[in-house]
N, C-alpha and C. Protein backbone atom coordinates (compact mmCIF):
# COMPACT_ATOMS: atom_id res chain seq x y z
N MET A 1 -16.80 -13.76 17.19
CA MET A 1 -16.16 -13.52 15.91
C MET A 1 -15.62 -12.09 15.83
N LYS A 2 -16.46 -11.09 16.25
CA LYS A 2 -16.01 -9.71 16.17
C LYS A 2 -14.83 -9.47 17.09
N ASP A 3 -14.81 -10.14 18.25
CA ASP A 3 -13.71 -9.95 19.19
C ASP A 3 -12.39 -10.43 18.59
N SER A 4 -12.41 -11.56 17.90
CA SER A 4 -11.18 -12.06 17.28
C SER A 4 -10.74 -11.15 16.14
N ARG A 5 -11.71 -10.57 15.42
CA ARG A 5 -11.35 -9.62 14.35
C ARG A 5 -10.75 -8.36 14.94
N GLY A 6 -11.26 -7.93 16.09
CA GLY A 6 -10.71 -6.76 16.76
C GLY A 6 -9.27 -6.98 17.18
N LYS A 7 -9.00 -8.16 17.71
CA LYS A 7 -7.62 -8.49 18.10
C LYS A 7 -6.71 -8.58 16.87
N ALA A 8 -7.24 -9.16 15.80
CA ALA A 8 -6.46 -9.26 14.56
C ALA A 8 -6.16 -7.87 14.02
N LEU A 9 -7.15 -6.98 14.06
CA LEU A 9 -6.94 -5.61 13.58
C LEU A 9 -5.88 -4.89 14.41
N LEU A 10 -5.94 -5.07 15.72
CA LEU A 10 -4.95 -4.44 16.59
C LEU A 10 -3.55 -4.97 16.29
N GLY A 11 -3.43 -6.28 16.15
CA GLY A 11 -2.14 -6.89 15.84
C GLY A 11 -1.60 -6.43 14.49
N LEU A 12 -2.47 -6.37 13.51
CA LEU A 12 -2.05 -5.92 12.18
C LEU A 12 -1.67 -4.44 12.19
N ALA A 13 -2.41 -3.62 12.94
CA ALA A 13 -2.08 -2.20 13.02
C ALA A 13 -0.71 -2.01 13.69
N LEU A 14 -0.45 -2.75 14.75
CA LEU A 14 0.84 -2.66 15.42
C LEU A 14 1.97 -3.15 14.51
N ALA A 15 1.72 -4.23 13.79
CA ALA A 15 2.74 -4.76 12.87
C ALA A 15 3.02 -3.75 11.75
N ALA A 16 1.96 -3.12 11.22
CA ALA A 16 2.14 -2.13 10.16
C ALA A 16 2.93 -0.93 10.68
N ALA A 17 2.63 -0.49 11.90
CA ALA A 17 3.36 0.64 12.47
C ALA A 17 4.83 0.29 12.67
N ALA A 18 5.10 -0.91 13.18
CA ALA A 18 6.49 -1.33 13.41
C ALA A 18 7.25 -1.45 12.09
N LEU A 19 6.60 -2.06 11.09
CA LEU A 19 7.25 -2.19 9.78
C LEU A 19 7.48 -0.83 9.14
N GLY A 20 6.51 0.07 9.27
CA GLY A 20 6.66 1.41 8.72
C GLY A 20 7.83 2.15 9.35
N ALA A 21 7.96 2.01 10.67
CA ALA A 21 9.08 2.64 11.38
C ALA A 21 10.41 2.03 10.93
N LEU A 22 10.46 0.72 10.82
CA LEU A 22 11.67 0.04 10.38
C LEU A 22 12.05 0.45 8.97
N MET A 23 11.06 0.56 8.10
CA MET A 23 11.32 0.98 6.72
C MET A 23 11.86 2.41 6.68
N GLY A 24 11.40 3.24 7.60
CA GLY A 24 11.92 4.59 7.68
C GLY A 24 13.39 4.64 8.05
N VAL A 25 13.83 3.65 8.84
CA VAL A 25 15.23 3.58 9.25
C VAL A 25 16.10 2.91 8.17
N VAL A 26 15.60 1.83 7.60
CA VAL A 26 16.36 1.03 6.64
C VAL A 26 16.41 1.68 5.26
N GLY A 27 15.31 2.29 4.86
CA GLY A 27 15.19 2.79 3.49
C GLY A 27 15.92 4.10 3.26
N PRO A 28 16.01 4.46 1.98
CA PRO A 28 16.67 5.72 1.64
C PRO A 28 15.76 6.91 2.00
N ALA A 29 16.37 8.08 2.09
CA ALA A 29 15.60 9.29 2.41
C ALA A 29 14.56 9.58 1.33
N ARG A 30 14.91 9.31 0.08
CA ARG A 30 14.00 9.55 -1.03
C ARG A 30 13.76 8.24 -1.77
N SER A 31 12.50 8.01 -2.12
CA SER A 31 12.17 6.82 -2.90
C SER A 31 10.96 7.11 -3.77
N LEU A 32 10.80 6.32 -4.80
CA LEU A 32 9.67 6.49 -5.70
C LEU A 32 8.36 6.18 -5.00
N ASP A 33 8.38 5.25 -4.05
CA ASP A 33 7.18 4.83 -3.33
C ASP A 33 6.51 5.98 -2.58
N LYS A 34 7.31 6.91 -2.11
CA LYS A 34 6.79 8.01 -1.28
C LYS A 34 6.20 9.14 -2.11
N LEU A 35 6.50 9.17 -3.40
CA LEU A 35 6.01 10.23 -4.27
C LEU A 35 4.63 9.89 -4.80
N PRO A 36 3.73 10.86 -4.89
CA PRO A 36 2.40 10.56 -5.44
C PRO A 36 2.44 10.30 -6.95
N TRP A 37 3.39 10.93 -7.66
CA TRP A 37 3.59 10.71 -9.09
C TRP A 37 4.95 11.28 -9.47
N TYR A 38 5.42 10.88 -10.61
CA TYR A 38 6.71 11.35 -11.11
C TYR A 38 6.80 11.02 -12.59
N THR A 39 7.69 11.73 -13.27
CA THR A 39 7.93 11.45 -14.68
C THR A 39 9.04 10.41 -14.79
N ALA A 40 9.18 9.84 -15.96
CA ALA A 40 10.25 8.86 -16.20
C ALA A 40 11.62 9.51 -15.96
N THR A 41 11.78 10.73 -16.39
CA THR A 41 13.05 11.44 -16.20
C THR A 41 13.36 11.62 -14.72
N GLU A 42 12.35 11.99 -13.94
CA GLU A 42 12.54 12.17 -12.50
C GLU A 42 12.88 10.85 -11.82
N ALA A 43 12.25 9.76 -12.25
CA ALA A 43 12.52 8.45 -11.67
C ALA A 43 13.95 8.00 -11.96
N VAL A 44 14.38 8.16 -13.19
CA VAL A 44 15.75 7.78 -13.57
C VAL A 44 16.75 8.60 -12.78
N LYS A 45 16.49 9.89 -12.63
CA LYS A 45 17.40 10.77 -11.89
C LYS A 45 17.45 10.37 -10.42
N LEU A 46 16.30 10.10 -9.82
CA LEU A 46 16.27 9.70 -8.41
C LEU A 46 17.10 8.43 -8.18
N LEU A 47 16.90 7.43 -9.02
CA LEU A 47 17.66 6.18 -8.87
C LEU A 47 19.15 6.40 -9.08
N ALA A 48 19.50 7.24 -10.04
CA ALA A 48 20.92 7.52 -10.28
C ALA A 48 21.52 8.29 -9.11
N ASP A 49 20.78 9.27 -8.59
CA ASP A 49 21.27 10.09 -7.48
C ASP A 49 21.47 9.29 -6.19
N LEU A 50 20.74 8.19 -6.04
CA LEU A 50 20.90 7.36 -4.84
C LEU A 50 22.29 6.74 -4.75
N GLY A 51 22.89 6.48 -5.90
CA GLY A 51 24.20 5.83 -5.91
C GLY A 51 24.05 4.35 -5.54
N PRO A 52 25.15 3.59 -5.63
CA PRO A 52 25.09 2.16 -5.35
C PRO A 52 24.63 1.84 -3.91
N GLU A 53 25.15 2.57 -2.95
CA GLU A 53 24.76 2.31 -1.55
C GLU A 53 23.29 2.63 -1.31
N GLY A 54 22.84 3.76 -1.84
CA GLY A 54 21.44 4.15 -1.68
C GLY A 54 20.49 3.18 -2.37
N ARG A 55 20.89 2.71 -3.56
CA ARG A 55 20.05 1.73 -4.25
C ARG A 55 20.01 0.42 -3.48
N GLY A 56 21.11 0.05 -2.81
CA GLY A 56 21.12 -1.14 -1.96
C GLY A 56 20.16 -1.00 -0.79
N ARG A 57 20.15 0.18 -0.17
CA ARG A 57 19.22 0.45 0.94
C ARG A 57 17.78 0.38 0.43
N TYR A 58 17.58 0.96 -0.73
CA TYR A 58 16.25 0.97 -1.32
C TYR A 58 15.77 -0.45 -1.61
N LEU A 59 16.65 -1.29 -2.11
CA LEU A 59 16.30 -2.68 -2.40
C LEU A 59 15.92 -3.42 -1.12
N ARG A 60 16.70 -3.24 -0.05
CA ARG A 60 16.35 -3.87 1.23
C ARG A 60 15.01 -3.36 1.74
N ASN A 61 14.77 -2.07 1.56
CA ASN A 61 13.52 -1.47 1.99
C ASN A 61 12.33 -2.06 1.22
N GLU A 62 12.53 -2.30 -0.07
CA GLU A 62 11.45 -2.85 -0.89
C GLU A 62 11.12 -4.28 -0.48
N CYS A 63 12.11 -5.01 0.00
CA CYS A 63 11.84 -6.37 0.50
C CYS A 63 10.96 -6.29 1.75
N LEU A 64 11.21 -5.31 2.62
CA LEU A 64 10.33 -5.09 3.78
C LEU A 64 8.95 -4.62 3.32
N ASP A 65 8.92 -3.85 2.24
CA ASP A 65 7.64 -3.34 1.72
C ASP A 65 6.73 -4.49 1.28
N LEU A 66 7.32 -5.57 0.82
CA LEU A 66 6.50 -6.74 0.44
C LEU A 66 5.73 -7.28 1.64
N VAL A 67 6.38 -7.30 2.80
CA VAL A 67 5.71 -7.75 4.02
C VAL A 67 4.70 -6.69 4.47
N PHE A 68 5.12 -5.42 4.41
CA PHE A 68 4.26 -4.31 4.83
C PHE A 68 2.95 -4.29 4.04
N LEU A 69 3.04 -4.47 2.73
CA LEU A 69 1.82 -4.41 1.92
C LEU A 69 0.89 -5.59 2.20
N LEU A 70 1.44 -6.73 2.56
CA LEU A 70 0.59 -7.85 2.96
C LEU A 70 -0.13 -7.55 4.26
N VAL A 71 0.60 -6.93 5.21
CA VAL A 71 0.01 -6.61 6.51
C VAL A 71 -1.10 -5.57 6.35
N TYR A 72 -0.81 -4.47 5.63
CA TYR A 72 -1.85 -3.45 5.53
C TYR A 72 -3.02 -3.91 4.67
N SER A 73 -2.77 -4.81 3.72
CA SER A 73 -3.87 -5.35 2.92
C SER A 73 -4.79 -6.23 3.78
N ALA A 74 -4.20 -7.04 4.63
CA ALA A 74 -5.00 -7.86 5.55
C ALA A 74 -5.80 -6.97 6.49
N PHE A 75 -5.15 -5.91 6.99
CA PHE A 75 -5.85 -4.95 7.85
C PHE A 75 -7.03 -4.33 7.11
N ALA A 76 -6.81 -3.87 5.89
CA ALA A 76 -7.87 -3.23 5.11
C ALA A 76 -9.02 -4.20 4.85
N PHE A 77 -8.70 -5.45 4.55
CA PHE A 77 -9.74 -6.45 4.26
C PHE A 77 -10.62 -6.69 5.50
N ILE A 78 -9.99 -6.91 6.64
CA ILE A 78 -10.74 -7.17 7.87
C ILE A 78 -11.50 -5.93 8.32
N ALA A 79 -10.82 -4.77 8.29
CA ALA A 79 -11.45 -3.53 8.74
C ALA A 79 -12.64 -3.16 7.87
N THR A 80 -12.53 -3.35 6.57
CA THR A 80 -13.64 -3.03 5.66
C THR A 80 -14.85 -3.90 5.99
N GLY A 81 -14.62 -5.17 6.22
CA GLY A 81 -15.72 -6.05 6.58
C GLY A 81 -16.37 -5.64 7.89
N ARG A 82 -15.55 -5.33 8.86
CA ARG A 82 -16.07 -4.96 10.18
C ARG A 82 -16.80 -3.62 10.12
N LEU A 83 -16.29 -2.70 9.35
CA LEU A 83 -16.87 -1.37 9.27
C LEU A 83 -18.23 -1.36 8.57
N TRP A 84 -18.36 -2.13 7.50
CA TRP A 84 -19.58 -2.09 6.70
C TRP A 84 -20.58 -3.18 7.06
N GLU A 85 -20.18 -4.17 7.85
CA GLU A 85 -21.08 -5.25 8.24
C GLU A 85 -22.29 -4.66 8.98
N GLY A 86 -23.48 -5.08 8.59
CA GLY A 86 -24.70 -4.58 9.21
C GLY A 86 -25.22 -3.30 8.56
N ARG A 87 -24.42 -2.70 7.71
CA ARG A 87 -24.83 -1.48 7.02
C ARG A 87 -25.10 -1.74 5.54
N LEU A 88 -24.46 -2.77 5.01
CA LEU A 88 -24.64 -3.15 3.62
C LEU A 88 -25.00 -4.63 3.56
N SER A 89 -25.51 -5.06 2.43
CA SER A 89 -25.80 -6.49 2.27
C SER A 89 -24.49 -7.28 2.31
N ALA A 90 -24.58 -8.55 2.65
CA ALA A 90 -23.38 -9.40 2.74
C ALA A 90 -22.59 -9.42 1.42
N PRO A 91 -23.24 -9.55 0.25
CA PRO A 91 -22.46 -9.52 -0.99
C PRO A 91 -21.75 -8.17 -1.21
N ALA A 92 -22.41 -7.07 -0.82
CA ALA A 92 -21.79 -5.75 -0.98
C ALA A 92 -20.58 -5.61 -0.04
N VAL A 93 -20.71 -6.12 1.18
CA VAL A 93 -19.59 -6.07 2.13
C VAL A 93 -18.42 -6.88 1.58
N ARG A 94 -18.70 -8.08 1.09
CA ARG A 94 -17.64 -8.94 0.55
C ARG A 94 -16.99 -8.27 -0.66
N GLY A 95 -17.79 -7.66 -1.52
CA GLY A 95 -17.23 -6.94 -2.66
C GLY A 95 -16.35 -5.79 -2.21
N GLY A 96 -16.79 -5.07 -1.18
CA GLY A 96 -15.98 -3.98 -0.63
C GLY A 96 -14.67 -4.48 -0.06
N GLN A 97 -14.73 -5.65 0.57
CA GLN A 97 -13.50 -6.23 1.11
C GLN A 97 -12.52 -6.55 -0.01
N TYR A 98 -13.00 -7.11 -1.10
CA TYR A 98 -12.11 -7.43 -2.21
C TYR A 98 -11.56 -6.15 -2.85
N LEU A 99 -12.39 -5.13 -2.96
CA LEU A 99 -11.91 -3.85 -3.49
C LEU A 99 -10.86 -3.22 -2.57
N SER A 100 -10.96 -3.49 -1.27
CA SER A 100 -9.99 -2.93 -0.32
C SER A 100 -8.59 -3.51 -0.54
N LEU A 101 -8.50 -4.59 -1.30
CA LEU A 101 -7.20 -5.19 -1.60
C LEU A 101 -6.51 -4.53 -2.79
N LEU A 102 -7.24 -3.66 -3.51
CA LEU A 102 -6.68 -3.03 -4.71
C LEU A 102 -5.42 -2.19 -4.42
N PRO A 103 -5.41 -1.36 -3.37
CA PRO A 103 -4.16 -0.61 -3.11
C PRO A 103 -2.95 -1.54 -2.90
N GLY A 104 -3.15 -2.62 -2.18
CA GLY A 104 -2.06 -3.57 -1.95
C GLY A 104 -1.62 -4.26 -3.23
N ALA A 105 -2.59 -4.59 -4.09
CA ALA A 105 -2.24 -5.23 -5.36
C ALA A 105 -1.44 -4.27 -6.25
N LEU A 106 -1.84 -3.00 -6.27
CA LEU A 106 -1.09 -2.01 -7.05
C LEU A 106 0.27 -1.74 -6.42
N ASP A 107 0.32 -1.75 -5.09
CA ASP A 107 1.61 -1.59 -4.40
C ASP A 107 2.53 -2.77 -4.70
N LEU A 108 1.96 -3.96 -4.79
CA LEU A 108 2.75 -5.14 -5.14
C LEU A 108 3.35 -4.98 -6.54
N ALA A 109 2.54 -4.49 -7.48
CA ALA A 109 3.04 -4.26 -8.83
C ALA A 109 4.17 -3.23 -8.80
N GLU A 110 3.94 -2.14 -8.08
CA GLU A 110 4.96 -1.09 -7.98
C GLU A 110 6.24 -1.62 -7.33
N THR A 111 6.09 -2.31 -6.22
CA THR A 111 7.26 -2.83 -5.49
C THR A 111 8.03 -3.84 -6.34
N SER A 112 7.31 -4.69 -7.05
CA SER A 112 7.97 -5.66 -7.92
C SER A 112 8.76 -4.97 -9.02
N LEU A 113 8.19 -3.92 -9.59
CA LEU A 113 8.89 -3.16 -10.63
C LEU A 113 10.13 -2.46 -10.06
N VAL A 114 10.00 -1.90 -8.86
CA VAL A 114 11.14 -1.22 -8.24
C VAL A 114 12.24 -2.23 -7.94
N ILE A 115 11.88 -3.38 -7.37
CA ILE A 115 12.88 -4.42 -7.07
C ILE A 115 13.58 -4.86 -8.35
N SER A 116 12.81 -5.07 -9.39
CA SER A 116 13.40 -5.49 -10.67
C SER A 116 14.32 -4.40 -11.23
N ALA A 117 13.89 -3.14 -11.13
CA ALA A 117 14.72 -2.04 -11.63
C ALA A 117 16.00 -1.91 -10.82
N LEU A 118 15.90 -2.05 -9.49
CA LEU A 118 17.08 -1.92 -8.63
C LEU A 118 18.03 -3.10 -8.80
N ALA A 119 17.48 -4.29 -8.91
CA ALA A 119 18.31 -5.49 -9.01
C ALA A 119 19.10 -5.51 -10.32
N GLY A 120 18.52 -4.98 -11.39
CA GLY A 120 19.19 -5.00 -12.68
C GLY A 120 19.73 -3.66 -13.11
N TYR A 121 19.82 -2.72 -12.16
CA TYR A 121 20.23 -1.35 -12.50
C TYR A 121 21.58 -1.31 -13.18
N PRO A 122 21.78 -0.55 -14.23
CA PRO A 122 20.80 0.27 -14.94
C PRO A 122 20.13 -0.45 -16.11
N GLY A 123 20.51 -1.71 -16.35
CA GLY A 123 19.97 -2.45 -17.49
C GLY A 123 18.47 -2.66 -17.40
N GLY A 124 17.78 -2.44 -18.48
CA GLY A 124 16.35 -2.69 -18.57
C GLY A 124 15.49 -1.66 -17.85
N LEU A 125 16.11 -0.62 -17.34
CA LEU A 125 15.38 0.40 -16.58
C LEU A 125 14.34 1.10 -17.45
N THR A 126 14.68 1.38 -18.67
CA THR A 126 13.79 2.12 -19.56
C THR A 126 12.45 1.40 -19.74
N ALA A 127 12.48 0.08 -19.86
CA ALA A 127 11.24 -0.67 -20.06
C ALA A 127 10.35 -0.66 -18.82
N LYS A 128 10.95 -0.56 -17.64
CA LYS A 128 10.18 -0.62 -16.39
C LYS A 128 9.66 0.74 -15.94
N ILE A 129 10.36 1.80 -16.29
CA ILE A 129 10.03 3.13 -15.78
C ILE A 129 8.62 3.55 -16.17
N GLY A 130 8.22 3.29 -17.41
CA GLY A 130 6.88 3.68 -17.84
C GLY A 130 5.80 3.03 -16.98
N TRP A 131 5.97 1.76 -16.68
CA TRP A 131 4.99 1.05 -15.83
C TRP A 131 5.03 1.58 -14.41
N LEU A 132 6.22 1.89 -13.92
CA LEU A 132 6.34 2.47 -12.57
C LEU A 132 5.61 3.80 -12.48
N CYS A 133 5.75 4.61 -13.53
CA CYS A 133 5.10 5.92 -13.54
C CYS A 133 3.57 5.80 -13.53
N LEU A 134 3.05 4.66 -13.91
CA LEU A 134 1.60 4.39 -13.84
C LEU A 134 1.21 3.74 -12.52
N ALA A 135 2.02 2.79 -12.05
CA ALA A 135 1.67 2.02 -10.86
C ALA A 135 1.63 2.88 -9.60
N THR A 136 2.58 3.79 -9.46
CA THR A 136 2.64 4.59 -8.24
C THR A 136 1.42 5.48 -8.05
N PRO A 137 1.04 6.32 -9.03
CA PRO A 137 -0.15 7.13 -8.81
C PRO A 137 -1.43 6.29 -8.70
N ALA A 138 -1.48 5.17 -9.40
CA ALA A 138 -2.65 4.29 -9.29
C ALA A 138 -2.76 3.75 -7.87
N LYS A 139 -1.63 3.38 -7.27
CA LYS A 139 -1.62 2.90 -5.88
C LYS A 139 -2.14 3.98 -4.94
N TRP A 140 -1.63 5.21 -5.09
CA TRP A 140 -2.05 6.30 -4.20
C TRP A 140 -3.51 6.66 -4.41
N LEU A 141 -4.00 6.61 -5.63
CA LEU A 141 -5.41 6.88 -5.89
C LEU A 141 -6.29 5.83 -5.23
N ALA A 142 -5.94 4.56 -5.40
CA ALA A 142 -6.71 3.48 -4.79
C ALA A 142 -6.67 3.58 -3.26
N ALA A 143 -5.52 3.91 -2.70
CA ALA A 143 -5.40 4.06 -1.25
C ALA A 143 -6.25 5.23 -0.76
N SER A 144 -6.28 6.32 -1.51
CA SER A 144 -7.08 7.49 -1.14
C SER A 144 -8.57 7.14 -1.15
N LEU A 145 -9.00 6.39 -2.16
CA LEU A 145 -10.41 5.98 -2.23
C LEU A 145 -10.76 5.04 -1.08
N LEU A 146 -9.84 4.16 -0.71
CA LEU A 146 -10.07 3.27 0.42
C LEU A 146 -10.21 4.07 1.71
N ILE A 147 -9.36 5.05 1.91
CA ILE A 147 -9.45 5.89 3.10
C ILE A 147 -10.77 6.67 3.11
N LEU A 148 -11.17 7.19 1.97
CA LEU A 148 -12.45 7.90 1.87
C LEU A 148 -13.61 6.97 2.22
N SER A 149 -13.57 5.75 1.74
CA SER A 149 -14.59 4.76 2.06
C SER A 149 -14.62 4.48 3.56
N ALA A 150 -13.45 4.37 4.17
CA ALA A 150 -13.37 4.12 5.61
C ALA A 150 -13.95 5.30 6.39
N LEU A 151 -13.65 6.52 5.94
CA LEU A 151 -14.20 7.70 6.62
C LEU A 151 -15.72 7.74 6.51
N CYS A 152 -16.25 7.38 5.33
CA CYS A 152 -17.70 7.31 5.15
C CYS A 152 -18.31 6.27 6.08
N GLY A 153 -17.68 5.11 6.15
CA GLY A 153 -18.16 4.05 7.03
C GLY A 153 -18.12 4.47 8.48
N ALA A 154 -17.05 5.16 8.88
CA ALA A 154 -16.94 5.63 10.27
C ALA A 154 -18.02 6.67 10.56
N ALA A 155 -18.26 7.57 9.62
CA ALA A 155 -19.31 8.58 9.81
C ALA A 155 -20.68 7.92 9.94
N LEU A 156 -20.94 6.93 9.11
CA LEU A 156 -22.22 6.21 9.20
C LEU A 156 -22.35 5.45 10.50
N SER A 157 -21.24 4.93 11.01
CA SER A 157 -21.32 4.16 12.26
C SER A 157 -21.67 5.06 13.43
N LEU A 158 -21.37 6.34 13.33
CA LEU A 158 -21.75 7.28 14.39
C LEU A 158 -23.26 7.50 14.42
N ARG A 159 -23.91 7.27 13.28
CA ARG A 159 -25.36 7.44 13.18
C ARG A 159 -26.11 6.21 13.67
N GLY A 160 -25.42 5.13 13.89
CA GLY A 160 -26.07 3.91 14.35
C GLY A 160 -26.12 2.85 13.28
N PRO A 161 -26.61 1.65 13.63
CA PRO A 161 -26.60 0.51 12.71
C PRO A 161 -27.73 0.53 11.69
N ARG A 162 -27.74 1.51 10.80
CA ARG A 162 -28.72 1.55 9.72
C ARG A 162 -28.19 0.80 8.52
N ARG A 163 -29.09 0.22 7.81
CA ARG A 163 -28.72 -0.51 6.59
C ARG A 163 -28.97 0.38 5.39
N ILE A 164 -27.97 0.49 4.50
CA ILE A 164 -28.17 1.29 3.28
C ILE A 164 -28.07 0.42 2.06
């Protein structure tokens, strides 16, 4: 079982790297996704400054982001289980796995809002911007906590298979 999870993790990591590289080529130089936070005014200005061609690139990039977030969420779910298995009780490991999906869920909300804002630009932008200004920092906070959890798990794994 662990061997198949290891292969799945490797495949997902490679897919995430390839998608990330492709998004770097396809997407605009600046996007809301890459910023840790922004104000509504900054978001409106960024989208306006992109122009029609830049917003088109951004929209295509967001479609790739939907696949990317599924890949990294699957990676996080499997990796969290593998990292904490044997160190925590089975219910705690499963709970940790479900919590590891939070960054992807918040990224999905953010990406959906960006796609909606880009597809209907400029109409309805005002209603979406406030939610975007919340979704983006929430995504980055959840991702940071997931990375911190992974670092803790990795540090504990260096100490051996102790149960906490």
